[in-house]
Amino acid sequence: MGSELILAADSGGSGAFNLLLLLAVPLVFYFLLIRPQSRRRKQQMEMQNAMEPGARVLTTSGMRATVVEVDDDGILLEIADGVEVRFVKAAVMQVLKDDEPEDLDDEQDEPAEADEDEDGDRVDLSKDDDAEAAEAGGADEADEAEESKPKGRAKVKASDKPSA
């Protein structure tokens, strides 16, 4: 029984194949992981160093902004008219092209007109009805409507919580 184990160990393969496999694994890691990562990092650094005032950028937090000023370690971005914030250069993910529209989904956000409602199923949820009812009912009902509205936040004690 002992001689069978020795024969099985000897027939495992050549030492040259094991050495080749041992050298191939780090090369695969280098070409598939390390080299592309360093290339991406180098491109990102070049893009951040080439930023100029007036360029449209996208930050890592998803904000689109215009570069106002570039310092050695940071940039000043204008995210809205008159609203300027300071970011580090690493917070810029991408420089946007001029031909990209600023807001792609503005067309979908426009409210539908009342003429498009063919069935008459439209419900008016405006708060103007309360004001009209108060004016029509007189001053007494208007005072009662104001009193029924909550004036502040309600305080809740810790003992009011249900136990699990």
C-alpha atoms as a PDB file:
ATOM      1  CA  MET A   1       0.000   0.000   0.000  1.00  0.00           C
ATOM      2  CA  GLY A   2       2.866   2.376   0.758  1.00  0.00           C
ATOM      3  CA  SER A   3       4.517   1.773  -2.609  1.00  0.00           C
ATOM      4  CA  GLU A   4       1.349   2.739  -4.469  1.00  0.00           C
ATOM      5  CA  LEU A   5       1.373   6.213  -2.877  1.00  0.00           C
ATOM      6  CA  ILE A   6       4.989   6.795  -3.881  1.00  0.00           C
ATOM      7  CA  LEU A   7       4.219   5.849  -7.483  1.00  0.00           C
ATOM      8  CA  ALA A   8       1.197   8.182  -7.545  1.00  0.00           C
ATOM      9  CA  ALA A   9       3.310  11.076  -6.247  1.00  0.00           C
ATOM     10  CA  ASP A  10       5.956  10.584  -8.919  1.00  0.00           C
ATOM     11  CA  SER A  11       3.465  10.559 -11.781  1.00  0.00           C
ATOM     12  CA  GLY A  12       2.010  14.007 -10.824  1.00  0.00           C
ATOM     13  CA  GLY A  13       3.696  15.890 -13.659  1.00  0.00           C
ATOM     14  CA  SER A  14       6.979  17.512 -14.469  1.00  0.00           C
ATOM     15  CA  GLY A  15       8.613  20.218 -12.393  1.00  0.00           C
ATOM     16  CA  ALA A  16       8.960  22.444 -15.457  1.00  0.00           C
ATOM     17  CA  PHE A  17       5.185  22.620 -15.922  1.00  0.00           C
ATOM     18  CA  ASN A  18       4.694  23.598 -12.268  1.00  0.00           C
ATOM     19  CA  LEU A  19       7.347  26.302 -12.583  1.00  0.00           C
ATOM     20  CA  LEU A  20       5.723  27.622 -15.771  1.00  0.00           C
ATOM     21  CA  LEU A  21       2.329  27.715 -14.059  1.00  0.00           C
ATOM     22  CA  LEU A  22       3.836  29.515 -11.084  1.00  0.00           C
ATOM     23  CA  LEU A  23       5.269  32.222 -13.378  1.00  0.00           C
ATOM     24  CA  ALA A  24       2.134  32.494 -15.534  1.00  0.00           C
ATOM     25  CA  VAL A  25      -0.240  33.449 -12.709  1.00  0.00           C
ATOM     26  CA  PRO A  26       1.475  36.776 -11.843  1.00  0.00           C
ATOM     27  CA  LEU A  27       1.734  37.641 -15.547  1.00  0.00           C
ATOM     28  CA  VAL A  28      -1.993  37.066 -16.009  1.00  0.00           C
ATOM     29  CA  PHE A  29      -2.730  39.275 -12.992  1.00  0.00           C
ATOM     30  CA  TYR A  30      -0.470  41.999 -14.370  1.00  0.00           C
ATOM     31  CA  PHE A  31      -1.997  42.074 -17.851  1.00  0.00           C
ATOM     32  CA  LEU A  32      -5.625  41.656 -16.765  1.00  0.00           C
ATOM     33  CA  LEU A  33      -5.756  43.722 -13.580  1.00  0.00           C
ATOM     34  CA  ILE A  34      -2.792  45.954 -12.806  1.00  0.00           C
ATOM     35  CA  ARG A  35      -1.960  47.356 -16.248  1.00  0.00           C
ATOM     36  CA  PRO A  36      -5.524  48.454 -17.222  1.00  0.00           C
ATOM     37  CA  GLN A  37      -6.024  49.996 -13.776  1.00  0.00           C
ATOM     38  CA  SER A  38      -2.842  52.071 -14.030  1.00  0.00           C
ATOM     39  CA  ARG A  39      -3.781  53.140 -17.579  1.00  0.00           C
ATOM     40  CA  ARG A  40      -7.216  54.339 -16.354  1.00  0.00           C
ATOM     41  CA  ARG A  41      -5.619  56.176 -13.427  1.00  0.00           C
ATOM     42  CA  LYS A  42      -3.169  57.906 -15.775  1.00  0.00           C
ATOM     43  CA  GLN A  43      -5.988  59.021 -18.121  1.00  0.00           C
ATOM     44  CA  GLN A  44      -7.996  60.340 -15.158  1.00  0.00           C
ATOM     45  CA  MET A  45      -5.014  62.355 -13.906  1.00  0.00           C
ATOM     46  CA  GLU A  46      -4.417  63.821 -17.382  1.00  0.00           C
ATOM     47  CA  MET A  47      -8.083  64.796 -17.657  1.00  0.00           C
ATOM     48  CA  GLN A  48      -8.078  66.441 -14.216  1.00  0.00           C
ATOM     49  CA  ASN A  49      -4.888  68.384 -14.930  1.00  0.00           C
ATOM     50  CA  ALA A  50      -6.164  69.584 -18.324  1.00  0.00           C
ATOM     51  CA  MET A  51      -9.371  71.190 -16.955  1.00  0.00           C
ATOM     52  CA  GLU A  52      -9.876  74.830 -17.837  1.00  0.00           C
ATOM     53  CA  PRO A  53     -12.432  77.425 -16.714  1.00  0.00           C
ATOM     54  CA  GLY A  54     -15.646  77.229 -18.726  1.00  0.00           C
ATOM     55  CA  ALA A  55     -15.571  73.443 -19.148  1.00  0.00           C
ATOM     56  CA  ARG A  56     -18.685  71.425 -18.265  1.00  0.00           C
ATOM     57  CA  VAL A  57     -17.912  68.574 -15.861  1.00  0.00           C
ATOM     58  CA  LEU A  58     -19.683  65.716 -14.102  1.00  0.00           C
ATOM     59  CA  THR A  59     -18.647  65.081 -10.499  1.00  0.00           C
ATOM     60  CA  THR A  60     -18.480  61.701  -8.805  1.00  0.00           C
ATOM     61  CA  SER A  61     -21.602  62.641  -6.830  1.00  0.00           C
ATOM     62  CA  GLY A  62     -23.524  63.106 -10.094  1.00  0.00           C
ATOM     63  CA  MET A  63     -23.671  66.913 -10.247  1.00  0.00           C
ATOM     64  CA  ARG A  64     -23.182  68.678 -13.549  1.00  0.00           C
ATOM     65  CA  ALA A  65     -21.319  71.943 -13.170  1.00  0.00           C
ATOM     66  CA  THR A  66     -19.213  74.531 -14.956  1.00  0.00           C
ATOM     67  CA  VAL A  67     -15.581  75.090 -13.977  1.00  0.00           C
ATOM     68  CA  VAL A  68     -15.054  78.658 -12.756  1.00  0.00           C
ATOM     69  CA  GLU A  69     -11.525  78.504 -11.368  1.00  0.00           C
ATOM     70  CA  VAL A  70      -8.751  75.894 -11.237  1.00  0.00           C
ATOM     71  CA  ASP A  71      -6.222  75.757  -8.373  1.00  0.00           C
ATOM     72  CA  ASP A  72      -3.307  73.407  -7.875  1.00  0.00           C
ATOM     73  CA  ASP A  73      -5.294  70.954  -5.738  1.00  0.00           C
ATOM     74  CA  GLY A  74      -8.935  71.981  -6.207  1.00  0.00           C
ATOM     75  CA  ILE A  75     -11.464  73.594  -8.500  1.00  0.00           C
ATOM     76  CA  LEU A  76     -14.321  76.044  -8.076  1.00  0.00           C
ATOM     77  CA  LEU A  77     -17.520  74.817  -9.746  1.00  0.00           C
ATOM     78  CA  GLU A  78     -20.730  76.685 -10.481  1.00  0.00           C
ATOM     79  CA  ILE A  79     -23.596  74.217 -10.011  1.00  0.00           C
ATOM     80  CA  ALA A  80     -26.377  76.801 -10.552  1.00  0.00           C
ATOM     81  CA  ASP A  81     -26.585  80.489 -11.370  1.00  0.00           C
ATOM     82  CA  GLY A  82     -24.633  82.246  -8.632  1.00  0.00           C
ATOM     83  CA  VAL A  83     -23.997  79.037  -6.607  1.00  0.00           C
ATOM     84  CA  GLU A  84     -20.299  78.196  -6.491  1.00  0.00           C
ATOM     85  CA  VAL A  85     -18.745  75.320  -4.562  1.00  0.00           C
ATOM     86  CA  ARG A  86     -15.158  74.167  -4.099  1.00  0.00           C
ATOM     87  CA  PHE A  87     -14.220  70.571  -4.939  1.00  0.00           C
ATOM     88  CA  VAL A  88     -10.972  68.662  -5.045  1.00  0.00           C
ATOM     89  CA  LYS A  89      -9.895  67.706  -8.551  1.00  0.00           C
ATOM     90  CA  ALA A  90     -10.384  64.019  -7.811  1.00  0.00           C
ATOM     91  CA  ALA A  91     -14.138  64.659  -7.447  1.00  0.00           C
ATOM     92  CA  VAL A  92     -14.431  65.290 -11.202  1.00  0.00           C
ATOM     93  CA  MET A  93     -15.364  62.066 -12.933  1.00  0.00           C
ATOM     94  CA  GLN A  94     -15.664  63.273 -16.510  1.00  0.00           C
ATOM     95  CA  VAL A  95     -15.486  66.371 -18.683  1.00  0.00           C
ATOM     96  CA  LEU A  96     -18.716  66.683 -20.657  1.00  0.00           C
ATOM     97  CA  LYS A  97     -18.772  67.545 -24.332  1.00  0.00           C
ATOM     98  CA  ASP A  98     -20.487  70.740 -25.467  1.00  0.00           C
ATOM     99  CA  ASP A  99     -22.986  68.911 -27.688  1.00  0.00           C
ATOM    100  CA  GLU A 100     -24.487  66.901 -24.779  1.00  0.00           C
ATOM    101  CA  PRO A 101     -27.828  68.290 -23.598  1.00  0.00           C
ATOM    102  CA  GLU A 102     -27.814  69.487 -19.998  1.00  0.00           C
ATOM    103  CA  ASP A 103     -31.048  67.782 -18.930  1.00  0.00           C
ATOM    104  CA  LEU A 104     -32.133  64.820 -20.995  1.00  0.00           C
ATOM    105  CA  ASP A 105     -35.440  64.169 -19.239  1.00  0.00           C
ATOM    106  CA  ASP A 106     -36.939  67.696 -19.226  1.00  0.00           C
ATOM    107  CA  GLU A 107     -39.315  66.806 -22.020  1.00  0.00           C
ATOM    108  CA  GLN A 108     -40.835  64.007 -19.939  1.00  0.00           C
ATOM    109  CA  ASP A 109     -41.237  66.227 -16.862  1.00  0.00           C
ATOM    110  CA  GLU A 110     -43.563  68.751 -18.516  1.00  0.00           C
ATOM    111  CA  PRO A 111     -47.088  68.586 -17.061  1.00  0.00           C
ATOM    112  CA  ALA A 112     -49.875  67.316 -19.263  1.00  0.00           C
ATOM    113  CA  GLU A 113     -52.461  69.870 -20.357  1.00  0.00           C
ATOM    114  CA  ALA A 114     -56.110  69.649 -19.312  1.00  0.00           C
ATOM    115  CA  ASP A 115     -57.170  69.271 -22.957  1.00  0.00           C
ATOM    116  CA  GLU A 116     -55.497  65.862 -23.134  1.00  0.00           C
ATOM    117  CA  ASP A 117     -57.866  64.428 -20.468  1.00  0.00           C
ATOM    118  CA  GLU A 118     -60.584  62.900 -22.614  1.00  0.00           C
ATOM    119  CA  ASP A 119     -62.485  60.903 -19.993  1.00  0.00           C
ATOM    120  CA  GLY A 120     -62.839  63.671 -17.418  1.00  0.00           C
ATOM    121  CA  ASP A 121     -61.164  61.479 -14.782  1.00  0.00           C
ATOM    122  CA  ARG A 122     -58.887  64.295 -13.699  1.00  0.00           C
ATOM    123  CA  VAL A 123     -58.924  65.152  -9.988  1.00  0.00           C
ATOM    124  CA  ASP A 124     -57.947  68.616  -8.769  1.00  0.00           C
ATOM    125  CA  LEU A 125     -55.698  68.285  -5.726  1.00  0.00           C
ATOM    126  CA  SER A 126     -54.945  71.963  -5.201  1.00  0.00           C
ATOM    127  CA  LYS A 127     -55.335  73.539  -1.776  1.00  0.00           C
ATOM    128  CA  ASP A 128     -57.345  76.479  -3.110  1.00  0.00           C
ATOM    129  CA  ASP A 129     -60.597  74.664  -2.226  1.00  0.00           C
ATOM    130  CA  ASP A 130     -59.998  75.208   1.526  1.00  0.00           C
ATOM    131  CA  ALA A 131     -59.549  78.947   1.069  1.00  0.00           C
ATOM    132  CA  GLU A 132     -62.675  79.229  -1.098  1.00  0.00           C
ATOM    133  CA  ALA A 133     -64.737  77.256   1.426  1.00  0.00           C
ATOM    134  CA  ALA A 134     -63.563  79.504   4.251  1.00  0.00           C
ATOM    135  CA  GLU A 135     -64.533  82.642   2.304  1.00  0.00           C
ATOM    136  CA  ALA A 136     -67.940  81.260   1.355  1.00  0.00           C
ATOM    137  CA  GLY A 137     -68.811  80.064   4.875  1.00  0.00           C
ATOM    138  CA  GLY A 138     -68.012  83.322   6.632  1.00  0.00           C
ATOM    139  CA  ALA A 139     -65.438  84.470   9.159  1.00  0.00           C
ATOM    140  CA  ASP A 140     -66.509  82.004  11.902  1.00  0.00           C
ATOM    141  CA  GLU A 141     -65.849  78.954   9.740  1.00  0.00           C
ATOM    142  CA  ALA A 142     -62.526  80.436   8.601  1.00  0.00           C
ATOM    143  CA  ASP A 143     -61.434  80.781  12.256  1.00  0.00           C
ATOM    144  CA  GLU A 144     -62.456  77.180  12.945  1.00  0.00           C
ATOM    145  CA  ALA A 145     -60.507  75.964   9.882  1.00  0.00           C
ATOM    146  CA  GLU A 146     -57.384  77.787  11.083  1.00  0.00           C
ATOM    147  CA  GLU A 147     -57.726  76.343  14.585  1.00  0.00           C
ATOM    148  CA  SER A 148     -58.033  72.791  13.270  1.00  0.00           C
ATOM    149  CA  LYS A 149     -54.724  72.988  11.437  1.00  0.00           C
ATOM    150  CA  PRO A 150     -51.703  71.746  13.408  1.00  0.00           C
ATOM    151  CA  LYS A 151     -49.387  74.557  14.449  1.00  0.00           C
ATOM    152  CA  GLY A 152     -46.243  72.636  15.347  1.00  0.00           C
ATOM    153  CA  ARG A 153     -44.713  69.242  15.695  1.00  0.00           C
ATOM    154  CA  ALA A 154     -46.223  66.781  18.114  1.00  0.00           C
ATOM    155  CA  LYS A 155     -43.895  65.400  20.754  1.00  0.00           C
ATOM    156  CA  VAL A 156     -43.813  61.643  21.221  1.00  0.00           C
ATOM    157  CA  LYS A 157     -42.530  60.072  24.394  1.00  0.00           C
ATOM    158  CA  ALA A 158     -40.269  57.050  24.236  1.00  0.00           C
ATOM    159  CA  SER A 159     -42.726  55.101  26.395  1.00  0.00           C
ATOM    160  CA  ASP A 160     -45.430  55.463  23.713  1.00  0.00           C
ATOM    161  CA  LYS A 161     -43.544  53.145  21.387  1.00  0.00           C
ATOM    162  CA  PRO A 162     -44.903  49.612  21.134  1.00  0.00           C
ATOM    163  CA  SER A 163     -42.728  46.920  22.606  1.00  0.00           C
ATOM    164  CA  ALA A 164     -41.559  44.068  20.436  1.00  0.00           C
END
